[in-house]
Structure formats: structure tokens, C-alpha cells
């Protein structure tokens, strides 16, 4: 599903949609390969997303109403661009906040930071 040099696919499985939506939030519209390359670059090649993982996530987000697609012809090639819908713009903020809270909770559970209580 994913090729991860540093992390197990189990760790990334639940965060792929959040990662994709955040990239679209920052860049407006992107095509699939562009998303994979941006994640690769941002993670310093620690997270490599395969097509087999990316496209099902994109299709699911589209089916949920969070993404819209636009097809462009570049010479003889067809490129499909993805962008967030208005509900996707709202959902990505919810997903980012949820993920940040989850990370904070995991740090507490694993005792990776002092408990402030």
C-alpha cells in the first residue's frame, strides 16, 4: 500500500486522507503524481505513497463530497486534477485538528512528554 522507509504502513493508513487533503488545501489543485512527489519531498523520502494507495483514497474523498475533479488535456495526455470542495475545506481543518489531538494523546499515553497535570 505505502512504501515507508521509516514507518509501518499501519501508522500511515489512517492518515492518508488527511495528508492528501492538506496538500490540496495548500496548493489548490493537484494531480495524483504531484501529490505523491510533494509528500515524498516534505517527508524527506520517509513516506512514499503508491498509486495503489493514493487513487482509492482520492476516489473515496470524491465520493464523500470532499473533492472535485477537473480534466485537462496536455498535448495528447489527459491529466486529472483534484481540488477540495467547500465541504472539503471544512473537513480538512477538522481532520488536521483531530490528528493533532490524537498525536498529543499518544504522547501522553507513551509518556513521550511530561504530563502537565
C-alpha atoms as a PDB file:
ATOM      1  CA  UNK A   1       0.000   0.000   0.000  1.00  0.00           C
ATOM      2  CA  UNK A   2       2.640   2.527   1.025  1.00  0.00           C
ATOM      3  CA  UNK A   3       6.354   2.298   0.787  1.00  0.00           C
ATOM      4  CA  UNK A   4       7.777   3.673   4.008  1.00  0.00           C
ATOM      5  CA  UNK A   5      11.412   3.761   4.832  1.00  0.00           C
ATOM      6  CA  UNK A   6      10.833   4.828   8.424  1.00  0.00           C
ATOM      7  CA  UNK A   7       7.240   3.963   9.307  1.00  0.00           C
ATOM      8  CA  UNK A   8       4.965   0.956   9.132  1.00  0.00           C
ATOM      9  CA  UNK A   9       2.009   1.127   6.768  1.00  0.00           C
ATOM     10  CA  UNK A  10      -0.276   0.640   9.790  1.00  0.00           C
ATOM     11  CA  UNK A  11       0.828   4.023  11.150  1.00  0.00           C
ATOM     12  CA  UNK A  12       0.088   5.764   7.869  1.00  0.00           C
ATOM     13  CA  UNK A  13      -3.099   4.002   6.857  1.00  0.00           C
ATOM     14  CA  UNK A  14      -5.379   6.201   8.934  1.00  0.00           C
ATOM     15  CA  UNK A  15      -3.675   9.447   7.971  1.00  0.00           C
ATOM     16  CA  UNK A  16      -3.548   9.229   4.161  1.00  0.00           C
ATOM     17  CA  UNK A  17      -6.762  11.174   3.588  1.00  0.00           C
ATOM     18  CA  UNK A  18      -5.586  13.898   5.968  1.00  0.00           C
ATOM     19  CA  UNK A  19      -2.223  14.098   4.189  1.00  0.00           C
ATOM     20  CA  UNK A  20      -3.883  14.337   0.759  1.00  0.00           C
ATOM     21  CA  UNK A  21      -6.440  16.911   1.855  1.00  0.00           C
ATOM     22  CA  UNK A  22      -3.770  19.081   3.482  1.00  0.00           C
ATOM     23  CA  UNK A  23      -1.751  19.122   0.265  1.00  0.00           C
ATOM     24  CA  UNK A  24      -4.826  20.163  -1.707  1.00  0.00           C
ATOM     25  CA  UNK A  25      -5.625  22.830   0.884  1.00  0.00           C
ATOM     26  CA  UNK A  26      -2.151  24.314   0.463  1.00  0.00           C
ATOM     27  CA  UNK A  27      -1.846  24.017  -3.311  1.00  0.00           C
ATOM     28  CA  UNK A  28      -5.416  24.449  -4.584  1.00  0.00           C
ATOM     29  CA  UNK A  29      -5.458  21.750  -7.226  1.00  0.00           C
ATOM     30  CA  UNK A  30      -3.030  18.924  -7.833  1.00  0.00           C
ATOM     31  CA  UNK A  31      -2.832  15.748  -9.869  1.00  0.00           C
ATOM     32  CA  UNK A  32      -2.009  12.386  -8.323  1.00  0.00           C
ATOM     33  CA  UNK A  33       1.683  12.146  -9.177  1.00  0.00           C
ATOM     34  CA  UNK A  34       2.187  15.694  -7.964  1.00  0.00           C
ATOM     35  CA  UNK A  35       0.689  14.772  -4.582  1.00  0.00           C
ATOM     36  CA  UNK A  36       2.956  11.735  -4.205  1.00  0.00           C
ATOM     37  CA  UNK A  37       6.044  13.758  -5.081  1.00  0.00           C
ATOM     38  CA  UNK A  38       5.153  16.572  -2.690  1.00  0.00           C
ATOM     39  CA  UNK A  39       4.671  14.127   0.195  1.00  0.00           C
ATOM     40  CA  UNK A  40       7.944  12.426  -0.711  1.00  0.00           C
ATOM     41  CA  UNK A  41       9.716  15.783  -0.658  1.00  0.00           C
ATOM     42  CA  UNK A  42       8.117  17.031   2.564  1.00  0.00           C
ATOM     43  CA  UNK A  43       8.860  13.764   4.381  1.00  0.00           C
ATOM     44  CA  UNK A  44      12.460  13.716   3.127  1.00  0.00           C
ATOM     45  CA  UNK A  45      11.598  10.453   1.327  1.00  0.00           C
ATOM     46  CA  UNK A  46      10.387   8.739   4.502  1.00  0.00           C
ATOM     47  CA  UNK A  47       6.838   8.426   3.109  1.00  0.00           C
ATOM     48  CA  UNK A  48       6.368   7.209  -0.448  1.00  0.00           C
ATOM     49  CA  UNK A  49       2.720   6.856  -1.431  1.00  0.00           C
ATOM     50  CA  UNK A  50       1.987   4.319  -4.141  1.00  0.00           C
ATOM     51  CA  UNK A  51      -0.699   4.718  -6.792  1.00  0.00           C
ATOM     52  CA  UNK A  52      -2.436   1.704  -5.261  1.00  0.00           C
ATOM     53  CA  UNK A  53      -2.901   3.657  -2.040  1.00  0.00           C
ATOM     54  CA  UNK A  54      -3.425   7.160  -3.419  1.00  0.00           C
ATOM     55  CA  UNK A  55      -6.138   6.671  -6.022  1.00  0.00           C
ATOM     56  CA  UNK A  56      -8.555   4.703  -3.819  1.00  0.00           C
ATOM     57  CA  UNK A  57      -8.187   7.473  -1.204  1.00  0.00           C
ATOM     58  CA  UNK A  58      -8.825  10.174  -3.827  1.00  0.00           C
ATOM     59  CA  UNK A  59     -11.862   8.310  -5.165  1.00  0.00           C
ATOM     60  CA  UNK A  60     -13.240   7.822  -1.645  1.00  0.00           C
ATOM     61  CA  UNK A  61     -12.801  11.518  -0.845  1.00  0.00           C
ATOM     62  CA  UNK A  62     -14.548  12.399  -4.091  1.00  0.00           C
ATOM     63  CA  UNK A  63     -17.425  10.008  -3.298  1.00  0.00           C
ATOM     64  CA  UNK A  64     -17.722  11.597   0.166  1.00  0.00           C
ATOM     65  CA  UNK A  65     -18.122  15.002  -1.495  1.00  0.00           C
ATOM     66  CA  UNK A  66     -14.820  16.449  -0.291  1.00  0.00           C
ATOM     67  CA  UNK A  67     -13.041  16.568  -3.666  1.00  0.00           C
ATOM     68  CA  UNK A  68     -13.898  17.642  -7.147  1.00  0.00           C
ATOM     69  CA  UNK A  69     -12.034  16.738 -10.317  1.00  0.00           C
ATOM     70  CA  UNK A  70     -11.088  18.646 -13.418  1.00  0.00           C
ATOM     71  CA  UNK A  71      -9.607  17.100 -16.542  1.00  0.00           C
ATOM     72  CA  UNK A  72      -7.019  18.956 -18.606  1.00  0.00           C
ATOM     73  CA  UNK A  73      -5.516  17.917 -21.885  1.00  0.00           C
ATOM     74  CA  UNK A  74      -1.774  18.448 -22.085  1.00  0.00           C
ATOM     75  CA  UNK A  75      -0.813  17.620 -25.621  1.00  0.00           C
ATOM     76  CA  UNK A  76      -2.019  14.073 -26.141  1.00  0.00           C
ATOM     77  CA  UNK A  77      -2.110  13.359 -22.415  1.00  0.00           C
ATOM     78  CA  UNK A  78      -5.047  13.743 -20.085  1.00  0.00           C
ATOM     79  CA  UNK A  79      -4.331  14.938 -16.574  1.00  0.00           C
ATOM     80  CA  UNK A  80      -6.935  14.729 -13.807  1.00  0.00           C
ATOM     81  CA  UNK A  81      -6.659  17.445 -11.174  1.00  0.00           C
ATOM     82  CA  UNK A  82      -8.193  17.186  -7.720  1.00  0.00           C
ATOM     83  CA  UNK A  83      -9.263  20.069  -5.510  1.00  0.00           C
ATOM     84  CA  UNK A  84     -11.233  20.475  -2.303  1.00  0.00           C
ATOM     85  CA  UNK A  85     -14.927  21.297  -2.389  1.00  0.00           C
ATOM     86  CA  UNK A  86     -16.279  23.819   0.142  1.00  0.00           C
ATOM     87  CA  UNK A  87     -17.202  20.925   2.453  1.00  0.00           C
ATOM     88  CA  UNK A  88     -13.711  19.519   1.887  1.00  0.00           C
ATOM     89  CA  UNK A  89     -12.217  22.844   3.014  1.00  0.00           C
ATOM     90  CA  UNK A  90     -14.122  22.492   6.280  1.00  0.00           C
ATOM     91  CA  UNK A  91     -13.397  18.767   6.664  1.00  0.00           C
ATOM     92  CA  UNK A  92      -9.640  19.149   6.221  1.00  0.00           C
ATOM     93  CA  UNK A  93      -9.495  21.517   9.190  1.00  0.00           C
ATOM     94  CA  UNK A  94     -11.465  19.013  11.283  1.00  0.00           C
ATOM     95  CA  UNK A  95      -9.155  16.163  10.219  1.00  0.00           C
ATOM     96  CA  UNK A  96      -5.999  18.165  10.996  1.00  0.00           C
ATOM     97  CA  UNK A  97      -7.306  19.135  14.432  1.00  0.00           C
ATOM     98  CA  UNK A  98      -8.352  15.553  15.125  1.00  0.00           C
ATOM     99  CA  UNK A  99      -4.921  14.269  14.100  1.00  0.00           C
ATOM    100  CA  UNK A 100      -3.115  16.875  16.232  1.00  0.00           C
ATOM    101  CA  UNK A 101      -5.207  15.903  19.263  1.00  0.00           C
ATOM    102  CA  UNK A 102      -4.541  12.225  18.587  1.00  0.00           C
ATOM    103  CA  UNK A 103      -0.784  12.884  18.471  1.00  0.00           C
ATOM    104  CA  UNK A 104      -0.951  14.754  21.772  1.00  0.00           C
ATOM    105  CA  UNK A 105      -2.881  11.901  23.368  1.00  0.00           C
ATOM    106  CA  UNK A 106      -0.409   9.324  22.061  1.00  0.00           C
ATOM    107  CA  UNK A 107       2.483  11.334  23.501  1.00  0.00           C
ATOM    108  CA  UNK A 108       0.775  11.229  26.887  1.00  0.00           C
ATOM    109  CA  UNK A 109      -0.011   7.519  26.690  1.00  0.00           C
ATOM    110  CA  UNK A 110       3.508   6.645  25.586  1.00  0.00           C
ATOM    111  CA  UNK A 111       4.977   9.092  28.091  1.00  0.00           C
ATOM    112  CA  UNK A 112       6.857  10.999  25.429  1.00  0.00           C
ATOM    113  CA  UNK A 113       6.235  14.309  27.162  1.00  0.00           C
ATOM    114  CA  UNK A 114       5.717  15.267  30.777  1.00  0.00           C
ATOM    115  CA  UNK A 115       2.126  15.129  31.943  1.00  0.00           C
ATOM    116  CA  UNK A 116       1.041  18.691  32.785  1.00  0.00           C
ATOM    117  CA  UNK A 117      -1.447  17.563  35.477  1.00  0.00           C
END
